[in-house]
N, C-alpha and C. Protein backbone atom coordinates (compact mmCIF):
# COMPACT_ATOMS: atom_id res chain seq x y z
N UNK A 1 0.90 1.91 -4.95
CA UNK A 1 0.81 1.61 -6.37
C UNK A 1 0.09 0.29 -6.57
N UNK A 2 -0.70 0.20 -7.60
CA UNK A 2 -1.44 -1.01 -7.95
C UNK A 2 -1.18 -1.31 -9.42
N UNK A 3 -0.88 -2.57 -9.72
CA UNK A 3 -0.73 -3.00 -11.10
C UNK A 3 -1.89 -3.92 -11.44
N UNK A 4 -2.64 -3.56 -12.48
CA UNK A 4 -3.81 -4.32 -12.88
C UNK A 4 -3.45 -5.42 -13.88
N UNK A 5 -4.31 -6.43 -13.96
CA UNK A 5 -4.15 -7.46 -14.98
C UNK A 5 -4.41 -6.82 -16.35
N UNK A 6 -4.11 -7.52 -17.40
CA UNK A 6 -4.33 -6.99 -18.75
C UNK A 6 -5.80 -6.64 -18.96
N UNK A 7 -6.70 -7.53 -18.54
CA UNK A 7 -8.13 -7.28 -18.67
C UNK A 7 -8.56 -6.10 -17.79
N UNK A 8 -8.06 -6.07 -16.56
CA UNK A 8 -8.38 -4.98 -15.64
C UNK A 8 -7.87 -3.64 -16.16
N UNK A 9 -6.67 -3.65 -16.75
CA UNK A 9 -6.10 -2.42 -17.31
C UNK A 9 -6.97 -1.88 -18.44
N UNK A 10 -7.48 -2.78 -19.27
CA UNK A 10 -8.34 -2.38 -20.39
C UNK A 10 -9.63 -1.74 -19.86
N UNK A 11 -10.23 -2.37 -18.85
CA UNK A 11 -11.46 -1.83 -18.27
C UNK A 11 -11.22 -0.49 -17.58
N UNK A 12 -10.07 -0.39 -16.87
CA UNK A 12 -9.76 0.85 -16.17
C UNK A 12 -9.47 1.97 -17.16
N UNK A 13 -8.85 1.64 -18.29
CA UNK A 13 -8.60 2.63 -19.33
C UNK A 13 -9.93 3.21 -19.83
N UNK A 14 -10.89 2.33 -20.11
CA UNK A 14 -12.20 2.79 -20.59
C UNK A 14 -12.88 3.65 -19.52
N UNK A 15 -12.82 3.20 -18.27
CA UNK A 15 -13.42 3.96 -17.17
C UNK A 15 -12.81 5.35 -17.07
N UNK A 16 -11.47 5.42 -17.08
CA UNK A 16 -10.83 6.73 -16.94
C UNK A 16 -11.03 7.59 -18.17
N UNK A 17 -10.99 6.99 -19.35
CA UNK A 17 -11.19 7.75 -20.59
C UNK A 17 -12.56 8.40 -20.62
N UNK A 18 -13.57 7.69 -20.12
CA UNK A 18 -14.94 8.20 -20.15
C UNK A 18 -15.29 9.10 -18.97
N UNK A 19 -14.34 9.29 -18.05
CA UNK A 19 -14.66 10.07 -16.84
C UNK A 19 -13.62 11.14 -16.53
N UNK A 20 -12.96 11.68 -17.55
CA UNK A 20 -11.98 12.75 -17.33
C UNK A 20 -12.68 13.95 -16.69
N UNK A 21 -12.04 14.51 -15.68
CA UNK A 21 -12.53 15.64 -14.88
C UNK A 21 -13.67 15.27 -13.94
N UNK A 22 -13.91 13.97 -13.78
CA UNK A 22 -14.94 13.50 -12.86
C UNK A 22 -14.28 12.67 -11.76
N UNK A 23 -14.93 12.57 -10.60
CA UNK A 23 -14.37 11.73 -9.54
C UNK A 23 -14.66 10.25 -9.78
N UNK A 24 -13.74 9.42 -9.33
CA UNK A 24 -13.92 7.97 -9.37
C UNK A 24 -13.68 7.47 -7.94
N UNK A 25 -14.66 6.83 -7.37
CA UNK A 25 -14.57 6.38 -5.98
C UNK A 25 -13.68 5.15 -5.86
N UNK A 26 -12.82 5.15 -4.86
CA UNK A 26 -12.06 3.97 -4.48
C UNK A 26 -12.73 3.46 -3.22
N UNK A 27 -13.32 2.26 -3.32
CA UNK A 27 -14.16 1.73 -2.26
C UNK A 27 -13.54 0.46 -1.70
N UNK A 28 -13.42 0.40 -0.38
CA UNK A 28 -12.95 -0.79 0.32
C UNK A 28 -13.97 -1.10 1.41
N UNK A 29 -14.46 -2.32 1.43
CA UNK A 29 -15.47 -2.74 2.42
C UNK A 29 -16.66 -1.79 2.48
N UNK A 30 -17.15 -1.42 1.31
CA UNK A 30 -18.33 -0.56 1.17
C UNK A 30 -18.13 0.85 1.71
N UNK A 31 -16.88 1.27 1.90
CA UNK A 31 -16.57 2.62 2.36
C UNK A 31 -15.68 3.30 1.33
N UNK A 32 -16.04 4.52 0.96
CA UNK A 32 -15.21 5.29 0.04
C UNK A 32 -13.97 5.75 0.81
N UNK A 33 -12.80 5.34 0.34
CA UNK A 33 -11.55 5.73 1.01
C UNK A 33 -10.85 6.86 0.26
N UNK A 34 -11.23 7.09 -0.97
CA UNK A 34 -10.65 8.17 -1.74
C UNK A 34 -11.59 8.48 -2.89
N UNK A 35 -11.60 9.73 -3.31
CA UNK A 35 -12.46 10.16 -4.40
C UNK A 35 -11.65 11.06 -5.34
N UNK A 36 -10.65 10.47 -6.00
CA UNK A 36 -9.79 11.28 -6.86
C UNK A 36 -10.51 11.71 -8.14
N UNK A 37 -10.05 12.82 -8.68
CA UNK A 37 -10.56 13.33 -9.95
C UNK A 37 -9.66 12.75 -11.05
N UNK A 38 -10.27 12.24 -12.11
CA UNK A 38 -9.51 11.67 -13.22
C UNK A 38 -8.97 12.82 -14.07
N UNK A 39 -7.63 12.88 -14.18
CA UNK A 39 -7.00 13.94 -14.98
C UNK A 39 -6.79 13.52 -16.43
N UNK A 40 -6.58 12.23 -16.65
CA UNK A 40 -6.39 11.72 -18.01
C UNK A 40 -6.62 10.22 -17.99
N UNK A 41 -6.80 9.63 -19.17
CA UNK A 41 -6.99 8.19 -19.22
C UNK A 41 -5.70 7.50 -18.76
N UNK A 42 -5.87 6.37 -18.10
CA UNK A 42 -4.74 5.59 -17.60
C UNK A 42 -4.62 4.34 -18.47
N UNK A 43 -3.59 4.32 -19.28
CA UNK A 43 -3.40 3.26 -20.27
C UNK A 43 -2.56 2.11 -19.73
N UNK A 44 -1.59 2.41 -18.88
CA UNK A 44 -0.57 1.44 -18.49
C UNK A 44 -1.06 0.32 -17.59
N UNK A 45 -2.18 0.50 -16.88
CA UNK A 45 -2.61 -0.49 -15.91
C UNK A 45 -1.91 -0.35 -14.57
N UNK A 46 -1.12 0.72 -14.43
CA UNK A 46 -0.46 1.00 -13.16
C UNK A 46 -1.13 2.22 -12.55
N UNK A 47 -1.64 2.04 -11.34
CA UNK A 47 -2.44 3.06 -10.68
C UNK A 47 -1.75 3.48 -9.39
N UNK A 48 -1.72 4.76 -9.12
CA UNK A 48 -1.19 5.28 -7.88
C UNK A 48 -2.31 5.99 -7.15
N UNK A 49 -2.51 5.62 -5.89
CA UNK A 49 -3.51 6.29 -5.05
C UNK A 49 -2.75 7.24 -4.15
N UNK A 50 -3.12 8.51 -4.18
CA UNK A 50 -2.47 9.48 -3.31
C UNK A 50 -3.53 10.26 -2.57
N UNK A 51 -3.15 10.78 -1.45
CA UNK A 51 -4.09 11.56 -0.66
C UNK A 51 -3.54 11.82 0.72
N UNK A 52 -4.37 12.35 1.56
CA UNK A 52 -3.98 12.72 2.92
C UNK A 52 -4.39 11.61 3.88
N UNK A 53 -3.64 10.50 3.86
CA UNK A 53 -3.95 9.34 4.69
C UNK A 53 -2.97 9.25 5.86
N UNK A 54 -3.45 8.74 6.99
CA UNK A 54 -2.54 8.45 8.10
C UNK A 54 -1.82 7.14 7.79
N UNK A 55 -0.74 6.87 8.50
CA UNK A 55 -0.01 5.62 8.30
C UNK A 55 -0.92 4.42 8.58
N UNK A 56 -1.77 4.53 9.60
CA UNK A 56 -2.69 3.44 9.94
C UNK A 56 -3.69 3.22 8.80
N UNK A 57 -4.23 4.29 8.23
CA UNK A 57 -5.17 4.16 7.12
C UNK A 57 -4.51 3.51 5.91
N UNK A 58 -3.27 3.87 5.65
CA UNK A 58 -2.52 3.28 4.54
C UNK A 58 -2.33 1.79 4.77
N UNK A 59 -1.93 1.41 5.98
CA UNK A 59 -1.72 -0.01 6.29
C UNK A 59 -3.01 -0.81 6.12
N UNK A 60 -4.12 -0.26 6.59
CA UNK A 60 -5.42 -0.93 6.46
C UNK A 60 -5.79 -1.08 4.99
N UNK A 61 -5.60 0.00 4.22
CA UNK A 61 -5.93 -0.04 2.80
C UNK A 61 -5.09 -1.10 2.07
N UNK A 62 -3.83 -1.15 2.37
CA UNK A 62 -2.94 -2.14 1.73
C UNK A 62 -3.40 -3.55 2.07
N UNK A 63 -3.71 -3.80 3.33
CA UNK A 63 -4.17 -5.13 3.74
C UNK A 63 -5.46 -5.52 3.00
N UNK A 64 -6.39 -4.58 2.90
CA UNK A 64 -7.67 -4.87 2.24
C UNK A 64 -7.49 -5.13 0.74
N UNK A 65 -6.59 -4.35 0.11
CA UNK A 65 -6.36 -4.51 -1.32
C UNK A 65 -5.66 -5.83 -1.65
N UNK A 66 -4.88 -6.34 -0.71
CA UNK A 66 -4.17 -7.60 -0.94
C UNK A 66 -5.10 -8.80 -0.87
N UNK A 67 -6.21 -8.68 -0.14
CA UNK A 67 -7.13 -9.81 0.05
C UNK A 67 -8.21 -9.86 -0.98
């Protein structure tokens, strides 16, 4: 789970609102780690990334997102 700042939440809302039914790339270190399809606009600023990741991939992603 990721919680965005107020400004980030506003930008993410616009991004998701304008891209329903389209993929949005989640990129870490210039590598796409997930390409989820936007099902609806995300208003809350709380984002959940889900997918078929190994425990090692999850740990690496968490470390990269924290920095």
